[in-house]
Amino acid sequence: MSNHEFDAGGMGCADGLAGEFRRRMQAIPVGDVLVVTTHDPAAKEDLPPLARMMGHVVRSIEDPGDGRLLVTVERGR
């Protein structure tokens, strides 16, 4: 199992985050983990349901308190 990083910056689901998340998840092996870093607070509500709908497992959602959101997702299929 490997960890992969995706720094989405200020990208949100309304402006491409969902599509880029989908593309990056498909590019990693099943069982690997993608850590998404974003400055979009709405991603906390948008990304986990999308990940689950795609068959992946949301491992954690962290708010380090510096304006970033870290969403850790394991590829399920």
PDB file of N, CA and C in Angstrom:
ATOM      1  N   MET A   1       0.850  -1.187   0.000  1.00  0.00           N
ATOM      2  CA  MET A   1       0.000   0.000   0.000  1.00  0.00           C
ATOM      3  C   MET A   1       0.888   1.240   0.000  1.00  0.00           C
ATOM      4  N   SER A   2       0.612   2.148  -0.904  1.00  0.00           N
ATOM      5  CA  SER A   2       1.372   3.392  -1.004  1.00  0.00           C
ATOM      6  C   SER A   2       0.444   4.579  -0.822  1.00  0.00           C
ATOM      7  N   ASN A   3       1.027   5.690  -0.363  1.00  0.00           N
ATOM      8  CA  ASN A   3       0.285   6.949  -0.259  1.00  0.00           C
ATOM      9  C   ASN A   3       0.626   7.826  -1.450  1.00  0.00           C
ATOM     10  N   HIS A   4      -0.386   8.483  -1.985  1.00  0.00           N
ATOM     11  CA  HIS A   4      -0.225   9.412  -3.104  1.00  0.00           C
ATOM     12  C   HIS A   4      -0.789  10.753  -2.655  1.00  0.00           C
ATOM     13  N   GLU A   5      -0.171  11.842  -3.083  1.00  0.00           N
ATOM     14  CA  GLU A   5      -0.589  13.186  -2.687  1.00  0.00           C
ATOM     15  C   GLU A   5      -1.247  13.904  -3.859  1.00  0.00           C
ATOM     16  N   PHE A   6      -2.302  14.647  -3.563  1.00  0.00           N
ATOM     17  CA  PHE A   6      -2.957  15.490  -4.562  1.00  0.00           C
ATOM     18  C   PHE A   6      -3.255  16.827  -3.899  1.00  0.00           C
ATOM     19  N   ASP A   7      -2.481  17.847  -4.250  1.00  0.00           N
ATOM     20  CA  ASP A   7      -2.712  19.196  -3.729  1.00  0.00           C
ATOM     21  C   ASP A   7      -3.628  19.920  -4.699  1.00  0.00           C
ATOM     22  N   ALA A   8      -4.896  20.037  -4.319  1.00  0.00           N
ATOM     23  CA  ALA A   8      -5.899  20.649  -5.181  1.00  0.00           C
ATOM     24  C   ALA A   8      -5.939  22.166  -5.048  1.00  0.00           C
ATOM     25  N   GLY A   9      -5.152  22.722  -4.128  1.00  0.00           N
ATOM     26  CA  GLY A   9      -5.146  24.174  -3.939  1.00  0.00           C
ATOM     27  C   GLY A   9      -6.537  24.672  -3.597  1.00  0.00           C
ATOM     28  N   GLY A  10      -7.017  25.676  -4.313  1.00  0.00           N
ATOM     29  CA  GLY A  10      -8.336  26.233  -4.062  1.00  0.00           C
ATOM     30  C   GLY A  10      -9.423  25.608  -4.910  1.00  0.00           C
ATOM     31  N   MET A  11      -9.073  24.565  -5.663  1.00  0.00           N
ATOM     32  CA  MET A  11     -10.045  23.915  -6.541  1.00  0.00           C
ATOM     33  C   MET A  11     -11.167  23.306  -5.711  1.00  0.00           C
ATOM     34  N   GLY A  12     -12.408  23.526  -6.146  1.00  0.00           N
ATOM     35  CA  GLY A  12     -13.566  22.942  -5.482  1.00  0.00           C
ATOM     36  C   GLY A  12     -14.315  22.034  -6.425  1.00  0.00           C
ATOM     37  N   CYS A  13     -15.305  21.335  -5.894  1.00  0.00           N
ATOM     38  CA  CYS A  13     -16.067  20.393  -6.728  1.00  0.00           C
ATOM     39  C   CYS A  13     -16.770  21.098  -7.877  1.00  0.00           C
ATOM     40  N   ALA A  14     -17.117  22.364  -7.691  1.00  0.00           N
ATOM     41  CA  ALA A  14     -17.806  23.109  -8.751  1.00  0.00           C
ATOM     42  C   ALA A  14     -16.874  23.469  -9.910  1.00  0.00           C
ATOM     43  N   ASP A  15     -15.572  23.497  -9.655  1.00  0.00           N
ATOM     44  CA  ASP A  15     -14.645  23.887 -10.727  1.00  0.00           C
ATOM     45  C   ASP A  15     -13.569  22.835 -11.009  1.00  0.00           C
ATOM     46  N   GLY A  16     -13.967  21.570 -10.969  1.00  0.00           N
ATOM     47  CA  GLY A  16     -13.069  20.527 -11.458  1.00  0.00           C
ATOM     48  C   GLY A  16     -12.503  19.553 -10.446  1.00  0.00           C
ATOM     49  N   LEU A  17     -12.688  19.804  -9.151  1.00  0.00           N
ATOM     50  CA  LEU A  17     -12.100  18.906  -8.147  1.00  0.00           C
ATOM     51  C   LEU A  17     -12.641  17.484  -8.296  1.00  0.00           C
ATOM     52  N   ALA A  18     -13.941  17.336  -8.508  1.00  0.00           N
ATOM     53  CA  ALA A  18     -14.544  15.999  -8.604  1.00  0.00           C
ATOM     54  C   ALA A  18     -13.948  15.205  -9.760  1.00  0.00           C
ATOM     55  N   GLY A  19     -13.823  15.826 -10.924  1.00  0.00           N
ATOM     56  CA  GLY A  19     -13.268  15.141 -12.084  1.00  0.00           C
ATOM     57  C   GLY A  19     -11.811  14.781 -11.905  1.00  0.00           C
ATOM     58  N   GLU A  20     -11.053  15.697 -11.328  1.00  0.00           N
ATOM     59  CA  GLU A  20      -9.626  15.437 -11.104  1.00  0.00           C
ATOM     60  C   GLU A  20      -9.445  14.367 -10.027  1.00  0.00           C
ATOM     61  N   PHE A  21     -10.279  14.390  -8.987  1.00  0.00           N
ATOM     62  CA  PHE A  21     -10.243  13.351  -7.952  1.00  0.00           C
ATOM     63  C   PHE A  21     -10.505  11.983  -8.578  1.00  0.00           C
ATOM     64  N   ARG A  22     -11.534  11.907  -9.412  1.00  0.00           N
ATOM     65  CA  ARG A  22     -11.888  10.647 -10.078  1.00  0.00           C
ATOM     66  C   ARG A  22     -10.708  10.151 -10.917  1.00  0.00           C
ATOM     67  N   ARG A  23     -10.094  11.052 -11.690  1.00  0.00           N
ATOM     68  CA  ARG A  23      -8.964  10.673 -12.561  1.00  0.00           C
ATOM     69  C   ARG A  23      -7.788  10.159 -11.731  1.00  0.00           C
ATOM     70  N   ARG A  24      -7.482  10.850 -10.647  1.00  0.00           N
ATOM     71  CA  ARG A  24      -6.332  10.462  -9.813  1.00  0.00           C
ATOM     72  C   ARG A  24      -6.583   9.154  -9.073  1.00  0.00           C
ATOM     73  N   MET A  25      -7.816   8.919  -8.635  1.00  0.00           N
ATOM     74  CA  MET A  25      -8.121   7.649  -7.962  1.00  0.00           C
ATOM     75  C   MET A  25      -7.968   6.488  -8.930  1.00  0.00           C
ATOM     76  N   GLN A  26      -8.386   6.676 -10.180  1.00  0.00           N
ATOM     77  CA  GLN A  26      -8.283   5.605 -11.172  1.00  0.00           C
ATOM     78  C   GLN A  26      -6.831   5.311 -11.540  1.00  0.00           C
ATOM     79  N   ALA A  27      -5.937   6.267 -11.282  1.00  0.00           N
ATOM     80  CA  ALA A  27      -4.535   6.122 -11.671  1.00  0.00           C
ATOM     81  C   ALA A  27      -3.695   5.393 -10.621  1.00  0.00           C
ATOM     82  N   ILE A  28      -4.273   5.130  -9.436  1.00  0.00           N
ATOM     83  CA  ILE A  28      -3.502   4.447  -8.393  1.00  0.00           C
ATOM     84  C   ILE A  28      -4.042   3.025  -8.215  1.00  0.00           C
ATOM     85  N   PRO A  29      -3.193   2.104  -7.724  1.00  0.00           N
ATOM     86  CA  PRO A  29      -3.637   0.712  -7.556  1.00  0.00           C
ATOM     87  C   PRO A  29      -4.688   0.575  -6.447  1.00  0.00           C
ATOM     88  N   VAL A  30      -5.541  -0.440  -6.582  1.00  0.00           N
ATOM     89  CA  VAL A  30      -6.515  -0.761  -5.545  1.00  0.00           C
ATOM     90  C   VAL A  30      -5.765  -1.010  -4.234  1.00  0.00           C
ATOM     91  N   GLY A  31      -6.252  -0.424  -3.144  1.00  0.00           N
ATOM     92  CA  GLY A  31      -5.609  -0.569  -1.834  1.00  0.00           C
ATOM     93  C   GLY A  31      -4.689   0.581  -1.492  1.00  0.00           C
ATOM     94  N   ASP A  32      -4.252   1.352  -2.499  1.00  0.00           N
ATOM     95  CA  ASP A  32      -3.418   2.523  -2.232  1.00  0.00           C
ATOM     96  C   ASP A  32      -4.285   3.667  -1.714  1.00  0.00           C
ATOM     97  N   VAL A  33      -3.634   4.671  -1.153  1.00  0.00           N
ATOM     98  CA  VAL A  33      -4.325   5.782  -0.509  1.00  0.00           C
ATOM     99  C   VAL A  33      -3.969   7.093  -1.216  1.00  0.00           C
ATOM    100  N   LEU A  34      -4.994   7.919  -1.451  1.00  0.00           N
ATOM    101  CA  LEU A  34      -4.799   9.258  -2.003  1.00  0.00           C
ATOM    102  C   LEU A  34      -5.122  10.264  -0.901  1.00  0.00           C
ATOM    103  N   VAL A  35      -4.166  11.152  -0.613  1.00  0.00           N
ATOM    104  CA  VAL A  35      -4.385  12.225   0.359  1.00  0.00           C
ATOM    105  C   VAL A  35      -4.627  13.504  -0.431  1.00  0.00           C
ATOM    106  N   VAL A  36      -5.859  14.007  -0.350  1.00  0.00           N
ATOM    107  CA  VAL A  36      -6.250  15.216  -1.072  1.00  0.00           C
ATOM    108  C   VAL A  36      -6.137  16.402  -0.119  1.00  0.00           C
ATOM    109  N   THR A  37      -5.375  17.412  -0.523  1.00  0.00           N
ATOM    110  CA  THR A  37      -5.275  18.657   0.229  1.00  0.00           C
ATOM    111  C   THR A  37      -5.998  19.734  -0.560  1.00  0.00           C
ATOM    112  N   THR A  38      -6.952  20.402   0.090  1.00  0.00           N
ATOM    113  CA  THR A  38      -7.704  21.455  -0.594  1.00  0.00           C
ATOM    114  C   THR A  38      -7.970  22.607   0.360  1.00  0.00           C
ATOM    115  N   HIS A  39      -8.150  23.777  -0.208  1.00  0.00           N
ATOM    116  CA  HIS A  39      -8.505  24.966   0.576  1.00  0.00           C
ATOM    117  C   HIS A  39      -9.994  25.263   0.464  1.00  0.00           C
ATOM    118  N   ASP A  40     -10.742  24.373  -0.222  1.00  0.00           N
ATOM    119  CA  ASP A  40     -12.183  24.562  -0.389  1.00  0.00           C
ATOM    120  C   ASP A  40     -12.928  23.891   0.761  1.00  0.00           C
ATOM    121  N   PRO A  41     -13.554  24.677   1.667  1.00  0.00           N
ATOM    122  CA  PRO A  41     -14.242  24.068   2.812  1.00  0.00           C
ATOM    123  C   PRO A  41     -15.417  23.177   2.408  1.00  0.00           C
ATOM    124  N   ALA A  42     -16.022  23.421   1.255  1.00  0.00           N
ATOM    125  CA  ALA A  42     -17.156  22.605   0.805  1.00  0.00           C
ATOM    126  C   ALA A  42     -16.738  21.179   0.465  1.00  0.00           C
ATOM    127  N   ALA A  43     -15.450  20.958   0.226  1.00  0.00           N
ATOM    128  CA  ALA A  43     -14.973  19.615  -0.108  1.00  0.00           C
ATOM    129  C   ALA A  43     -15.243  18.637   1.033  1.00  0.00           C
ATOM    130  N   LYS A  44     -15.350  19.146   2.248  1.00  0.00           N
ATOM    131  CA  LYS A  44     -15.640  18.287   3.406  1.00  0.00           C
ATOM    132  C   LYS A  44     -17.002  17.607   3.243  1.00  0.00           C
ATOM    133  N   GLU A  45     -17.937  18.294   2.598  1.00  0.00           N
ATOM    134  CA  GLU A  45     -19.274  17.744   2.362  1.00  0.00           C
ATOM    135  C   GLU A  45     -19.375  17.035   1.012  1.00  0.00           C
ATOM    136  N   ASP A  46     -18.594  17.486   0.029  1.00  0.00           N
ATOM    137  CA  ASP A  46     -18.726  16.991  -1.344  1.00  0.00           C
ATOM    138  C   ASP A  46     -17.894  15.741  -1.650  1.00  0.00           C
ATOM    139  N   LEU A  47     -16.651  15.717  -1.178  1.00  0.00           N
ATOM    140  CA  LEU A  47     -15.729  14.656  -1.579  1.00  0.00           C
ATOM    141  C   LEU A  47     -16.042  13.288  -0.968  1.00  0.00           C
ATOM    142  N   PRO A  48     -16.336  13.181   0.337  1.00  0.00           N
ATOM    143  CA  PRO A  48     -16.599  11.844   0.906  1.00  0.00           C
ATOM    144  C   PRO A  48     -17.757  11.093   0.240  1.00  0.00           C
ATOM    145  N   PRO A  49     -18.924  11.722  -0.024  1.00  0.00           N
ATOM    146  CA  PRO A  49     -19.985  10.965  -0.695  1.00  0.00           C
ATOM    147  C   PRO A  49     -19.584  10.529  -2.110  1.00  0.00           C
ATOM    148  N   LEU A  50     -18.838  11.376  -2.812  1.00  0.00           N
ATOM    149  CA  LEU A  50     -18.364  11.029  -4.152  1.00  0.00           C
ATOM    150  C   LEU A  50     -17.446   9.806  -4.074  1.00  0.00           C
ATOM    151  N   ALA A  51     -16.514   9.839  -3.120  1.00  0.00           N
ATOM    152  CA  ALA A  51     -15.576   8.722  -2.961  1.00  0.00           C
ATOM    153  C   ALA A  51     -16.323   7.422  -2.663  1.00  0.00           C
ATOM    154  N   ARG A  52     -17.285   7.479  -1.747  1.00  0.00           N
ATOM    155  CA  ARG A  52     -18.050   6.280  -1.393  1.00  0.00           C
ATOM    156  C   ARG A  52     -18.872   5.781  -2.584  1.00  0.00           C
ATOM    157  N   MET A  53     -19.459   6.703  -3.344  1.00  0.00           N
ATOM    158  CA  MET A  53     -20.250   6.335  -4.509  1.00  0.00           C
ATOM    159  C   MET A  53     -19.379   5.602  -5.543  1.00  0.00           C
ATOM    160  N   MET A  54     -18.100   5.976  -5.606  1.00  0.00           N
ATOM    161  CA  MET A  54     -17.174   5.356  -6.548  1.00  0.00           C
ATOM    162  C   MET A  54     -16.604   4.039  -6.012  1.00  0.00           C
ATOM    163  N   GLY A  55     -16.958   3.678  -4.765  1.00  0.00           N
ATOM    164  CA  GLY A  55     -16.500   2.410  -4.200  1.00  0.00           C
ATOM    165  C   GLY A  55     -15.231   2.505  -3.382  1.00  0.00           C
ATOM    166  N   HIS A  56     -14.830   3.725  -3.001  1.00  0.00           N
ATOM    167  CA  HIS A  56     -13.620   3.919  -2.220  1.00  0.00           C
ATOM    168  C   HIS A  56     -13.972   4.094  -0.741  1.00  0.00           C
ATOM    169  N   VAL A  57     -12.950   4.024   0.119  1.00  0.00           N
ATOM    170  CA  VAL A  57     -13.146   4.128   1.562  1.00  0.00           C
ATOM    171  C   VAL A  57     -12.505   5.418   2.057  1.00  0.00           C
ATOM    172  N   VAL A  58     -13.298   6.274   2.687  1.00  0.00           N
ATOM    173  CA  VAL A  58     -12.770   7.512   3.273  1.00  0.00           C
ATOM    174  C   VAL A  58     -12.134   7.148   4.606  1.00  0.00           C
ATOM    175  N   ARG A  59     -10.822   7.289   4.697  1.00  0.00           N
ATOM    176  CA  ARG A  59     -10.078   6.929   5.907  1.00  0.00           C
ATOM    177  C   ARG A  59     -10.137   8.037   6.955  1.00  0.00           C
ATOM    178  N   SER A  60     -10.005   9.295   6.512  1.00  0.00           N
ATOM    179  CA  SER A  60     -10.044  10.398   7.474  1.00  0.00           C
ATOM    180  C   SER A  60     -10.305  11.714   6.758  1.00  0.00           C
ATOM    181  N   ILE A  61     -10.832  12.654   7.548  1.00  0.00           N
ATOM    182  CA  ILE A  61     -11.010  14.030   7.102  1.00  0.00           C
ATOM    183  C   ILE A  61     -10.431  14.891   8.212  1.00  0.00           C
ATOM    184  N   GLU A  62      -9.367  15.622   7.898  1.00  0.00           N
ATOM    185  CA  GLU A  62      -8.680  16.408   8.920  1.00  0.00           C
ATOM    186  C   GLU A  62      -8.701  17.887   8.566  1.00  0.00           C
ATOM    187  N   ASP A  63      -8.886  18.695   9.597  1.00  0.00           N
ATOM    188  CA  ASP A  63      -8.821  20.153   9.464  1.00  0.00           C
ATOM    189  C   ASP A  63      -7.685  20.623  10.360  1.00  0.00           C
ATOM    190  N   PRO A  64      -6.470  20.825   9.779  1.00  0.00           N
ATOM    191  CA  PRO A  64      -5.321  21.214  10.596  1.00  0.00           C
ATOM    192  C   PRO A  64      -5.418  22.631  11.174  1.00  0.00           C
ATOM    193  N   GLY A  65      -6.450  23.380  10.781  1.00  0.00           N
ATOM    194  CA  GLY A  65      -6.640  24.704  11.353  1.00  0.00           C
ATOM    195  C   GLY A  65      -5.904  25.815  10.622  1.00  0.00           C
ATOM    196  N   ASP A  66      -5.327  25.501   9.469  1.00  0.00           N
ATOM    197  CA  ASP A  66      -4.574  26.512   8.715  1.00  0.00           C
ATOM    198  C   ASP A  66      -5.252  26.832   7.387  1.00  0.00           C
ATOM    199  N   GLY A  67      -6.541  26.501   7.278  1.00  0.00           N
ATOM    200  CA  GLY A  67      -7.271  26.779   6.047  1.00  0.00           C
ATOM    201  C   GLY A  67      -7.290  25.620   5.076  1.00  0.00           C
ATOM    202  N   ARG A  68      -6.530  24.576   5.393  1.00  0.00           N
ATOM    203  CA  ARG A  68      -6.506  23.394   4.517  1.00  0.00           C
ATOM    204  C   ARG A  68      -7.456  22.336   5.053  1.00  0.00           C
ATOM    205  N   LEU A  69      -7.852  21.443   4.158  1.00  0.00           N
ATOM    206  CA  LEU A  69      -8.627  20.267   4.514  1.00  0.00           C
ATOM    207  C   LEU A  69      -7.889  19.078   3.913  1.00  0.00           C
ATOM    208  N   LEU A  70      -7.651  18.043   4.713  1.00  0.00           N
ATOM    209  CA  LEU A  70      -6.968  16.843   4.242  1.00  0.00           C
ATOM    210  C   LEU A  70      -7.957  15.686   4.245  1.00  0.00           C
ATOM    211  N   VAL A  71      -8.219  15.136   3.072  1.00  0.00           N
ATOM    212  CA  VAL A  71      -9.145  14.027   2.929  1.00  0.00           C
ATOM    213  C   VAL A  71      -8.331  12.823   2.456  1.00  0.00           C
ATOM    214  N   THR A  72      -8.326  11.757   3.271  1.00  0.00           N
ATOM    215  CA  THR A  72      -7.555  10.562   2.960  1.00  0.00           C
ATOM    216  C   THR A  72      -8.519   9.462   2.506  1.00  0.00           C
ATOM    217  N   VAL A  73      -8.303   8.970   1.275  1.00  0.00           N
ATOM    218  CA  VAL A  73      -9.213   7.999   0.663  1.00  0.00           C
ATOM    219  C   VAL A  73      -8.433   6.801   0.156  1.00  0.00           C
ATOM    220  N   GLU A  74      -8.916   5.598   0.509  1.00  0.00           N
ATOM    221  CA  GLU A  74      -8.313   4.371   0.013  1.00  0.00           C
ATOM    222  C   GLU A  74      -9.084   3.895  -1.209  1.00  0.00           C
ATOM    223  N   ARG A  75      -8.343   3.548  -2.265  1.00  0.00           N
ATOM    224  CA  ARG A  75      -9.018   3.071  -3.480  1.00  0.00           C
ATOM    225  C   ARG A  75      -9.612   1.695  -3.234  1.00  0.00           C
ATOM    226  N   GLY A  76     -10.904   1.583  -3.490  1.00  0.00           N
ATOM    227  CA  GLY A  76     -11.612   0.344  -3.233  1.00  0.00           C
ATOM    228  C   GLY A  76     -11.753  -0.552  -4.450  1.00  0.00           C
ATOM    229  N   ARG A  77     -11.911   0.041  -5.640  1.00  0.00           N
ATOM    230  CA  ARG A  77     -12.066  -0.771  -6.854  1.00  0.00           C
ATOM    231  C   ARG A  77     -11.625  -0.007  -8.058  1.00  0.00           C
TER     232      ARG A  77
END
